[in-house]
Amino acid sequence: MKVCNRHLLALGWAGLFFVGNARAVNPLILDQFTADPTARVFEGKMYLYPSHDIPYSPGKGRTNWFIMEDYHVFSSENLVDWTDHGVILNQTNVAWVNSASYSLWAPDCVFKNGKYYFYFPALTKSGGFGIGVATADKPYGPFKPEPKPIAGVRGIDPCVFIDKDGSAYLFYALGRISVARLKDNMLELDSKPQVITNLPPKGLIEGPFVFARNGIYYLTYPHVQNTTERIEYSTSTNPMGPYRQTGVIMDELPDGCWTVQHSIVEYQGQWYLFYHDKDLSPDFDKNRSVRADYLYFNTDGTIRKVIPTLRGVGMAEATSIIPIARYSASSGDGVSVSFFDETNRSEGWKISLKGANTWARFNQVDFGKNELKSVAACAVAPMGGTFEIRLDRLDGPLLAKIKVKKGAKWKTVSSPVTNVPTSVHDLVVSHYGGNAVELAWVRFE
């Protein structure tokens, strides 16, 4: 045994250029707070345009509220390795924005006429929210903001939908959801905004996101049915409506995060729901973190309800760091997850297995065609302990049985691998009683 580097998780999760240590788990970004994610496919990649929560400090925003001063953009080809392209817009660079407001809320970005159009809300110097536009030749910028917000629009959370005939529509929120056609220049309205009717009559509605599939237009939106937002949707045969309330995409988040702005996009034949939760700030839901989960449709075009997961999306390589604490399923009893370091949460999480018949499953691990010989784990067991790694099921083929010697320091422990698999499988880490074992990660070699 040797002392293990639990910080490999931080390098893999927050070090966005460390391709070899990719995590493929929720949240997607660890080195900063991200929220309100709009995902778009440009130039064969997934681009992510979130808002950027920052912690309160004197002179920046106000306590117990959202504080947002700029936007970053991220990109990925595999939804595992995310590149941060840096700040694409700051409130101090937009002439009409009240730079004391820190109100750069949920944005969007679309491509038309050979340019990228970035839409964003902010409090204006004259009062009230306006929606601005910045343009660029590349999806990652540099973006140049227009000198004034879009005339005739007062609201937040812009979403621009471009229909198959090239017509563009601006959706936005201010108490209710409104829609208007855009001119071909994408900078001006081509019709008077109209409020979309037949949405839930009570409770906050905001954050519209619109897409089309098989001739159906989907208007999706967060709605406070009870005390926090859930994601609902309405459908139509025309982007301007009328819309019919259809169903719920995701119930209220189980940890009580008040907001759940989102986007829905197809990429390489699979549909995804991007949203946010408060993973990195469990006690304060104004510092949020972007997540993604798979989304599926029924044959009649309705959307199957999405259950939020820690595991998220994307394939994990068997030879990469696999963080078992972001499991896809567990036994519940006897399994607990906590931060490595409450003062530096970007280091990620650890999992504790305690008691008889406790287990955690981590799905979609790609073993490829590698001739793997062993498995290493970063673990600690103050009283000494043992755990097993099996393939696909709790009673599946045994890959390794690993003993962790007594001690308070994290150690790298390893074992030869039997029943060496190929292709894609689930991993099940199990504990059958005795002393508790804590794990940071496992990796096949």
Protein backbone atom coordinates (compact mmCIF):
# COMPACT_ATOMS: atom_id res chain seq x y z
CA MET A 1 0.00 0.00 0.00
CA LYS A 2 1.05 3.59 -0.51
CA VAL A 3 -0.48 6.97 0.24
CA CYS A 4 -2.91 7.80 -2.56
CA ASN A 5 -3.58 11.13 -4.20
CA ARG A 6 -7.22 11.80 -3.56
CA HIS A 7 -6.66 15.13 -5.31
CA LEU A 8 -6.73 13.25 -8.60
CA LEU A 9 -10.46 13.75 -8.42
CA ALA A 10 -10.03 17.50 -8.28
CA LEU A 11 -7.67 17.39 -11.25
CA GLY A 12 -10.07 15.24 -13.20
CA TRP A 13 -13.23 17.17 -12.34
CA ALA A 14 -12.10 20.75 -12.07
CA GLY A 15 -8.98 20.66 -14.26
CA LEU A 16 -10.86 20.96 -17.51
CA PHE A 17 -7.89 20.16 -19.74
CA PHE A 18 -6.93 16.92 -17.96
CA VAL A 19 -8.48 14.67 -20.57
CA GLY A 20 -7.00 11.50 -19.12
CA ASN A 21 -8.75 11.99 -15.78
CA ALA A 22 -12.25 12.72 -17.11
CA ARG A 23 -15.13 12.13 -14.69
CA ALA A 24 -18.37 11.86 -16.71
CA VAL A 25 -20.46 12.71 -13.64
CA ASN A 26 -22.63 15.46 -12.14
CA PRO A 27 -21.95 18.29 -11.66
CA LEU A 28 -20.18 19.00 -14.94
CA ILE A 29 -18.02 21.89 -13.67
CA LEU A 30 -16.26 21.93 -10.29
CA ASP A 31 -13.97 24.95 -10.30
CA GLN A 32 -16.75 27.55 -10.34
CA PHE A 33 -20.48 27.89 -9.84
CA THR A 34 -22.58 27.54 -13.00
CA ALA A 35 -26.35 27.78 -13.48
CA ASP A 36 -29.17 28.24 -16.03
CA PRO A 37 -27.41 26.15 -18.70
CA THR A 38 -28.31 26.55 -22.35
CA ALA A 39 -26.75 23.75 -24.38
CA ARG A 40 -26.34 24.13 -28.15
CA VAL A 41 -24.62 22.03 -30.81
CA PHE A 42 -22.26 24.10 -32.96
CA GLU A 43 -19.47 22.93 -35.28
CA GLY A 44 -19.98 19.31 -34.22
CA LYS A 45 -19.48 20.03 -30.50
CA MET A 46 -21.70 20.63 -27.52
CA TYR A 47 -21.43 24.19 -26.29
CA LEU A 48 -22.70 25.18 -22.87
CA TYR A 49 -23.76 28.76 -22.09
CA PRO A 50 -24.54 28.98 -18.35
CA SER A 51 -24.89 31.93 -16.05
CA HIS A 52 -22.13 32.34 -13.48
CA ASP A 53 -22.97 32.52 -9.78
CA ILE A 54 -20.31 34.08 -7.57
CA PRO A 55 -20.18 34.22 -3.76
CA TYR A 56 -21.04 37.48 -2.03
CA SER A 57 -18.26 39.87 -1.11
CA PRO A 58 -18.49 43.50 0.07
CA GLY A 59 -19.31 45.77 -2.86
CA LYS A 60 -20.44 42.90 -5.08
CA GLY A 61 -24.18 42.27 -5.07
CA ARG A 62 -26.22 41.64 -1.95
CA THR A 63 -26.32 38.85 0.57
CA ASN A 64 -28.71 35.92 0.19
CA TRP A 65 -29.35 36.61 -3.49
CA PHE A 66 -28.04 35.76 -6.96
CA ILE A 67 -24.80 37.55 -7.88
CA MET A 68 -23.76 37.28 -11.54
CA GLU A 69 -21.27 39.58 -13.25
CA ASP A 70 -20.12 37.68 -16.36
CA TYR A 71 -20.58 34.67 -18.62
CA HIS A 72 -18.24 31.81 -19.50
CA VAL A 73 -18.73 29.32 -22.34
CA PHE A 74 -17.72 25.65 -22.20
CA SER A 75 -17.43 23.04 -24.95
CA SER A 76 -17.13 19.27 -25.19
CA GLU A 77 -17.10 16.58 -27.86
CA ASN A 78 -17.92 13.69 -25.50
CA LEU A 79 -19.84 15.39 -22.62
CA VAL A 80 -17.03 14.27 -20.32
CA ASP A 81 -14.10 16.60 -21.01
CA TRP A 82 -15.27 20.23 -20.78
CA THR A 83 -13.08 23.10 -21.96
CA ASP A 84 -13.61 26.51 -20.36
CA HIS A 85 -13.15 29.16 -23.05
CA GLY A 86 -13.16 31.89 -20.43
CA VAL A 87 -15.26 35.02 -20.00
CA ILE A 88 -17.23 35.96 -23.11
CA LEU A 89 -19.13 38.92 -21.65
CA ASN A 90 -18.86 41.07 -18.52
CA GLN A 91 -21.47 43.51 -17.20
CA THR A 92 -18.91 46.33 -17.23
CA ASN A 93 -18.52 45.96 -21.01
CA VAL A 94 -22.19 46.53 -21.84
CA ALA A 95 -23.14 50.20 -22.09
CA TRP A 96 -26.80 49.86 -21.08
CA VAL A 97 -26.36 47.50 -18.12
CA ASN A 98 -26.51 48.69 -14.53
CA SER A 99 -23.10 47.37 -13.48
CA ALA A 100 -24.01 47.57 -9.80
CA SER A 101 -26.82 45.03 -10.26
CA TYR A 102 -24.84 41.81 -10.93
CA SER A 103 -27.89 40.57 -12.83
CA LEU A 104 -26.55 38.68 -15.84
CA TRP A 105 -29.11 35.88 -15.58
CA ALA A 106 -30.01 32.94 -17.87
CA PRO A 107 -28.66 33.41 -21.45
CA ASP A 108 -28.97 31.73 -24.86
CA CYS A 109 -26.95 31.51 -28.06
CA VAL A 110 -27.96 30.67 -31.65
CA PHE A 111 -26.34 30.63 -35.10
CA LYS A 112 -27.78 32.37 -38.15
CA ASN A 113 -26.54 34.43 -41.10
CA GLY A 114 -22.99 33.19 -40.52
CA LYS A 115 -22.86 34.66 -37.01
CA TYR A 116 -23.43 33.60 -33.43
CA TYR A 117 -25.98 35.64 -31.49
CA PHE A 118 -25.72 35.61 -27.70
CA TYR A 119 -28.85 36.79 -25.85
CA PHE A 120 -28.70 37.83 -22.21
CA PRO A 121 -30.87 39.64 -19.64
CA ALA A 122 -29.74 42.34 -17.23
CA LEU A 123 -31.06 45.27 -15.24
CA THR A 124 -30.85 48.46 -17.28
CA LYS A 125 -29.51 51.80 -16.09
CA SER A 126 -33.03 53.24 -16.49
CA GLY A 127 -34.61 50.44 -14.45
CA GLY A 128 -36.24 47.12 -15.29
CA PHE A 129 -34.82 44.14 -17.11
CA GLY A 130 -33.81 44.36 -20.75
CA ILE A 131 -32.52 41.67 -23.12
CA GLY A 132 -29.33 42.37 -24.98
CA VAL A 133 -27.53 40.76 -27.90
CA ALA A 134 -23.82 40.19 -28.50
CA THR A 135 -22.42 38.78 -31.75
CA ALA A 136 -19.36 36.74 -32.69
CA ASP A 137 -17.89 34.80 -35.59
CA LYS A 138 -17.17 31.78 -33.39
CA PRO A 139 -19.33 30.06 -30.73
CA TYR A 140 -16.72 30.88 -28.08
CA GLY A 141 -16.35 34.53 -29.09
CA PRO A 142 -15.04 37.12 -28.82
CA PHE A 143 -18.57 38.55 -28.48
CA LYS A 144 -19.33 42.20 -29.15
CA PRO A 145 -22.46 43.55 -27.40
CA GLU A 146 -24.93 45.79 -29.17
CA PRO A 147 -25.10 49.32 -27.71
CA LYS A 148 -28.77 48.97 -26.70
CA PRO A 149 -31.07 46.13 -25.60
CA ILE A 150 -33.80 44.83 -27.92
CA ALA A 151 -36.46 47.54 -28.22
CA GLY A 152 -39.92 46.61 -26.99
CA VAL A 153 -38.77 43.79 -24.69
CA ARG A 154 -38.84 43.84 -20.89
CA GLY A 155 -38.00 40.52 -19.33
CA ILE A 156 -35.51 37.81 -18.40
CA ASP A 157 -34.41 34.33 -19.49
CA PRO A 158 -34.33 34.74 -23.29
CA CYS A 159 -34.66 31.70 -25.54
CA VAL A 160 -34.40 32.04 -29.31
CA PHE A 161 -35.92 29.31 -31.45
CA ILE A 162 -35.10 29.11 -35.18
CA ASP A 163 -37.65 27.10 -37.15
CA LYS A 164 -36.80 24.91 -40.12
CA ASP A 165 -37.85 27.70 -42.53
CA GLY A 166 -35.34 30.06 -40.91
CA SER A 167 -37.90 32.11 -38.98
CA ALA A 168 -36.66 33.16 -35.54
CA TYR A 169 -38.72 33.63 -32.39
CA LEU A 170 -37.78 35.21 -29.07
CA PHE A 171 -39.29 33.72 -25.93
CA TYR A 172 -38.75 35.36 -22.55
CA ALA A 173 -40.27 35.60 -19.09
CA LEU A 174 -41.55 38.30 -16.76
CA GLY A 175 -44.17 36.78 -14.52
CA ARG A 176 -45.54 34.93 -17.54
CA ILE A 177 -43.93 33.79 -20.82
CA SER A 178 -44.09 35.96 -23.95
CA VAL A 179 -43.10 35.32 -27.56
CA ALA A 180 -42.37 37.55 -30.56
CA ARG A 181 -40.95 37.03 -34.03
CA LEU A 182 -37.49 38.42 -34.72
CA LYS A 183 -36.41 40.21 -37.86
CA ASP A 184 -33.84 38.50 -40.05
CA ASN A 185 -31.12 40.67 -38.49
CA MET A 186 -31.83 38.87 -35.16
CA LEU A 187 -31.57 42.21 -33.35
CA GLU A 188 -35.10 43.61 -33.64
CA LEU A 189 -38.66 42.43 -33.12
CA ASP A 190 -40.78 41.70 -36.16
CA SER A 191 -44.03 41.40 -34.21
CA LYS A 192 -45.51 42.70 -30.99
CA PRO A 193 -44.81 40.38 -28.03
CA GLN A 194 -47.76 38.26 -26.98
CA VAL A 195 -48.27 36.47 -23.69
CA ILE A 196 -48.63 32.71 -24.10
CA THR A 197 -51.91 31.62 -22.60
CA ASN A 198 -53.12 28.30 -21.22
CA LEU A 199 -50.06 27.83 -19.02
CA PRO A 200 -50.50 27.10 -15.29
CA PRO A 201 -52.50 30.04 -13.86
CA LYS A 202 -50.74 30.15 -10.49
CA GLY A 203 -47.14 29.98 -9.34
CA LEU A 204 -43.97 31.49 -10.78
CA ILE A 205 -43.19 30.55 -14.40
CA GLU A 206 -39.86 31.52 -15.96
CA GLY A 207 -36.89 30.19 -17.95
CA PRO A 208 -38.61 29.15 -21.22
CA PHE A 209 -36.76 26.80 -23.54
CA VAL A 210 -38.29 25.82 -26.89
CA PHE A 211 -37.39 23.08 -29.34
CA ALA A 212 -39.12 21.08 -32.08
CA ARG A 213 -39.25 17.37 -32.79
CA ASN A 214 -41.29 15.45 -35.37
CA GLY A 215 -43.57 18.41 -36.07
CA ILE A 216 -44.26 19.12 -32.38
CA TYR A 217 -43.16 22.37 -30.75
CA TYR A 218 -42.20 21.95 -27.10
CA LEU A 219 -42.37 24.93 -24.75
CA THR A 220 -40.60 23.89 -21.55
CA TYR A 221 -40.43 26.01 -18.38
CA PRO A 222 -39.75 25.91 -14.64
CA HIS A 223 -42.96 26.33 -12.62
CA VAL A 224 -43.49 26.62 -8.87
CA GLN A 225 -46.42 24.28 -8.35
CA ASN A 226 -45.70 23.95 -4.62
CA THR A 227 -42.66 25.61 -3.02
CA THR A 228 -39.79 25.08 -5.49
CA GLU A 229 -39.57 24.85 -9.26
CA ARG A 230 -40.17 21.75 -11.33
CA ILE A 231 -39.77 21.49 -15.12
CA GLU A 232 -43.04 21.28 -17.07
CA TYR A 233 -43.89 21.48 -20.74
CA SER A 234 -46.65 22.41 -23.17
CA THR A 235 -46.91 21.49 -26.86
CA SER A 236 -48.19 23.09 -30.04
CA THR A 237 -48.16 22.74 -33.82
CA ASN A 238 -46.99 26.36 -34.19
CA PRO A 239 -44.14 28.15 -32.40
CA MET A 240 -46.45 31.08 -31.58
CA GLY A 241 -49.04 28.73 -30.10
CA PRO A 242 -51.66 28.06 -28.93
CA TYR A 243 -49.97 25.69 -26.49
CA ARG A 244 -51.53 22.85 -24.51
CA GLN A 245 -50.24 21.85 -21.07
CA THR A 246 -48.78 18.37 -21.53
CA GLY A 247 -46.77 17.14 -18.58
CA VAL A 248 -43.87 17.28 -16.11
CA ILE A 249 -40.30 16.66 -17.27
CA MET A 250 -38.63 16.72 -13.86
CA ASP A 251 -40.14 16.93 -10.39
CA GLU A 252 -38.89 19.31 -7.72
CA LEU A 253 -35.24 18.62 -6.94
CA PRO A 254 -35.04 16.41 -3.84
CA ASP A 255 -32.56 18.65 -1.99
CA GLY A 256 -34.81 21.71 -2.24
CA CYS A 257 -33.00 23.88 -4.81
CA TRP A 258 -35.49 26.65 -5.52
CA THR A 259 -34.67 27.17 -9.23
CA VAL A 260 -34.16 24.66 -12.03
CA GLN A 261 -33.56 26.53 -15.31
CA HIS A 262 -32.64 24.16 -18.10
CA SER A 263 -32.30 23.32 -21.79
CA ILE A 264 -32.99 20.25 -23.92
CA VAL A 265 -30.87 19.25 -26.90
CA GLU A 266 -30.14 16.31 -29.19
CA TYR A 267 -26.52 15.36 -29.72
CA GLN A 268 -25.24 12.40 -31.72
CA GLY A 269 -28.64 10.73 -31.70
CA GLN A 270 -29.32 11.10 -27.95
CA TRP A 271 -31.46 13.74 -26.20
CA TYR A 272 -30.21 15.40 -23.01
CA LEU A 273 -31.63 17.57 -20.26
CA PHE A 274 -29.21 20.17 -18.90
CA TYR A 275 -30.19 21.80 -15.61
CA HIS A 276 -28.64 22.90 -12.32
CA ASP A 277 -28.69 21.91 -8.66
CA LYS A 278 -26.76 23.01 -5.58
CA ASP A 279 -24.20 20.17 -5.40
CA LEU A 280 -21.27 22.41 -4.44
CA SER A 281 -23.34 24.61 -2.11
CA PRO A 282 -25.89 22.37 -0.39
CA ASP A 283 -26.85 25.02 2.18
CA PHE A 284 -27.24 27.96 -0.24
CA ASP A 285 -29.17 27.58 -3.49
CA LYS A 286 -27.95 30.84 -5.02
CA ASN A 287 -24.61 29.18 -5.78
CA ARG A 288 -25.52 26.44 -8.23
CA SER A 289 -23.84 23.83 -10.43
CA VAL A 290 -24.73 22.55 -13.89
CA ARG A 291 -25.84 18.95 -14.42
CA ALA A 292 -26.97 16.78 -17.34
CA ASP A 293 -29.09 13.63 -17.56
CA TYR A 294 -30.50 11.55 -20.40
CA LEU A 295 -33.96 12.41 -21.75
CA TYR A 296 -36.29 10.07 -23.66
CA PHE A 297 -39.55 10.36 -25.59
CA ASN A 298 -42.54 8.05 -25.74
CA THR A 299 -43.87 6.94 -29.15
CA ASP A 300 -46.64 9.58 -28.99
CA GLY A 301 -44.10 12.38 -28.57
CA THR A 302 -44.60 12.90 -24.85
CA ILE A 303 -41.51 13.17 -22.67
CA ARG A 304 -40.63 10.54 -20.10
CA LYS A 305 -39.98 11.97 -16.67
CA VAL A 306 -36.29 12.52 -15.93
CA ILE A 307 -34.97 11.39 -12.55
CA PRO A 308 -31.95 13.52 -11.51
CA THR A 309 -28.78 11.52 -10.92
CA LEU A 310 -25.33 11.94 -9.44
CA ARG A 311 -23.90 9.83 -12.26
CA GLY A 312 -24.96 12.12 -15.09
CA VAL A 313 -24.04 11.33 -18.70
CA GLY A 314 -21.05 10.27 -20.75
CA MET A 315 -18.89 7.16 -20.89
CA ALA A 316 -16.26 6.60 -18.21
CA GLU A 317 -13.03 4.94 -19.33
CA ALA A 318 -12.02 2.03 -17.10
CA THR A 319 -8.46 3.36 -17.04
CA SER A 320 -9.55 6.78 -15.80
CA ILE A 321 -10.38 7.87 -12.26
CA ILE A 322 -13.89 6.54 -11.49
CA PRO A 323 -15.52 8.43 -8.57
CA ILE A 324 -17.81 5.86 -6.99
CA ALA A 325 -19.44 8.58 -4.84
CA ARG A 326 -21.27 9.81 -7.98
CA TYR A 327 -23.06 6.51 -8.31
CA SER A 328 -26.04 5.68 -10.52
CA ALA A 329 -27.72 3.56 -7.82
CA SER A 330 -27.04 2.38 -4.27
CA SER A 331 -28.41 0.25 -1.46
CA GLY A 332 -29.42 3.43 0.36
CA ASP A 333 -28.97 2.22 3.92
CA GLY A 334 -25.32 2.10 4.91
CA VAL A 335 -24.19 4.35 2.05
CA SER A 336 -23.28 7.98 2.71
CA VAL A 337 -21.58 10.65 0.61
CA SER A 338 -19.69 13.68 1.88
CA PHE A 339 -17.12 16.23 0.74
CA PHE A 340 -13.45 15.42 1.16
CA ASP A 341 -12.84 18.92 2.44
CA GLU A 342 -15.61 21.31 3.44
CA THR A 343 -13.21 24.22 2.96
CA ASN A 344 -12.34 23.17 -0.61
CA ARG A 345 -15.34 21.46 -2.14
CA SER A 346 -13.79 21.38 -5.60
CA GLU A 347 -11.90 18.30 -4.37
CA GLY A 348 -15.14 16.38 -4.79
CA TRP A 349 -16.75 13.68 -2.70
CA LYS A 350 -16.02 10.43 -0.89
CA ILE A 351 -18.34 7.50 -0.27
CA SER A 352 -18.66 5.48 2.92
CA LEU A 353 -19.86 1.88 2.96
CA LYS A 354 -20.90 0.72 6.41
CA GLY A 355 -22.75 -2.35 7.57
CA ALA A 356 -23.90 -5.52 5.84
CA ASN A 357 -24.98 -5.69 2.21
CA THR A 358 -24.22 -2.10 1.29
CA TRP A 359 -23.36 -1.31 -2.31
CA ALA A 360 -23.08 1.39 -4.98
CA ARG A 361 -23.36 0.94 -8.75
CA PHE A 362 -21.49 3.10 -11.27
CA ASN A 363 -22.80 2.54 -14.79
CA GLN A 364 -21.36 2.87 -18.30
CA VAL A 365 -17.70 2.05 -17.79
CA ASP A 366 -15.88 1.30 -21.03
CA PHE A 367 -13.28 -1.45 -20.68
CA GLY A 368 -12.56 -1.38 -24.39
CA LYS A 369 -10.25 -4.15 -25.56
CA ASN A 370 -7.56 -3.41 -23.02
CA GLU A 371 -5.82 -6.32 -21.34
CA LEU A 372 -6.27 -4.96 -17.85
CA LYS A 373 -4.28 -6.67 -15.11
CA SER A 374 -5.27 -4.94 -11.87
CA VAL A 375 -7.49 -2.40 -10.17
CA ALA A 376 -6.35 0.34 -7.80
CA ALA A 377 -8.50 2.19 -5.29
CA CYS A 378 -7.98 5.20 -3.09
CA ALA A 379 -9.44 4.12 0.24
CA VAL A 380 -9.31 4.44 4.00
CA ALA A 381 -10.59 2.19 6.81
CA PRO A 382 -9.71 3.37 10.34
CA MET A 383 -10.40 -0.11 11.75
CA GLY A 384 -9.46 -2.03 8.61
CA GLY A 385 -12.00 -3.36 6.13
CA THR A 386 -12.77 -5.19 2.91
CA PHE A 387 -14.83 -4.44 -0.20
CA GLU A 388 -15.54 -6.19 -3.51
CA ILE A 389 -15.87 -4.99 -7.08
CA ARG A 390 -18.25 -6.95 -9.27
CA LEU A 391 -19.43 -6.66 -12.84
CA ASP A 392 -22.94 -5.41 -13.73
CA ARG A 393 -24.85 -6.87 -10.76
CA LEU A 394 -24.52 -7.32 -7.02
CA ASP A 395 -24.11 -11.04 -7.70
CA GLY A 396 -22.20 -10.52 -10.95
CA PRO A 397 -18.72 -11.84 -11.79
CA LEU A 398 -16.15 -10.92 -9.15
CA LEU A 399 -13.46 -8.59 -10.49
CA ALA A 400 -11.54 -8.04 -7.28
CA LYS A 401 -11.71 -8.36 -3.50
CA ILE A 402 -9.69 -5.64 -1.83
CA LYS A 403 -8.50 -5.40 1.76
CA VAL A 404 -7.74 -2.02 3.33
CA LYS A 405 -5.36 -2.12 6.28
CA LYS A 406 -6.19 -0.35 9.50
CA GLY A 407 -5.20 3.33 9.52
CA ALA A 408 -6.42 6.91 9.32
CA LYS A 409 -4.53 7.85 6.15
CA TRP A 410 -5.85 7.43 2.62
CA LYS A 411 -4.00 4.65 0.80
CA THR A 412 -3.76 3.28 -2.70
CA VAL A 413 -4.72 -0.37 -2.48
CA SER A 414 -4.72 -2.73 -5.42
CA SER A 415 -5.64 -6.22 -6.49
CA PRO A 416 -5.28 -8.42 -9.56
CA VAL A 417 -8.40 -8.51 -11.73
CA THR A 418 -10.22 -11.74 -12.51
CA ASN A 419 -12.95 -12.17 -15.14
CA VAL A 420 -11.40 -9.32 -17.13
CA PRO A 421 -14.19 -7.73 -19.17
CA THR A 422 -14.25 -5.93 -22.51
CA SER A 423 -16.71 -3.35 -23.89
CA VAL A 424 -19.14 -1.42 -21.64
CA HIS A 425 -20.28 -2.62 -18.21
CA ASP A 426 -21.50 -1.39 -14.84
CA LEU A 427 -19.35 -1.61 -11.73
CA VAL A 428 -20.82 -2.63 -8.38
CA VAL A 429 -18.76 -1.88 -5.27
CA SER A 430 -20.09 -3.86 -2.31
CA HIS A 431 -19.46 -4.27 1.39
CA TYR A 432 -20.68 -7.29 3.30
CA GLY A 433 -20.24 -6.19 6.87
CA GLY A 434 -17.47 -5.58 9.32
CA ASN A 435 -15.69 -2.25 9.60
CA ALA A 436 -16.63 0.72 7.43
CA VAL A 437 -14.63 1.51 4.30
CA GLU A 438 -14.40 4.89 2.58
CA LEU A 439 -13.51 5.25 -1.10
CA ALA A 440 -12.37 8.16 -3.23
CA TRP A 441 -11.94 6.43 -6.57
CA VAL A 442 -11.09 3.25 -8.41
CA ARG A 443 -9.06 2.84 -11.59
CA PHE A 444 -8.16 -0.17 -13.72
CA GLU A 445 -4.60 -0.63 -14.91
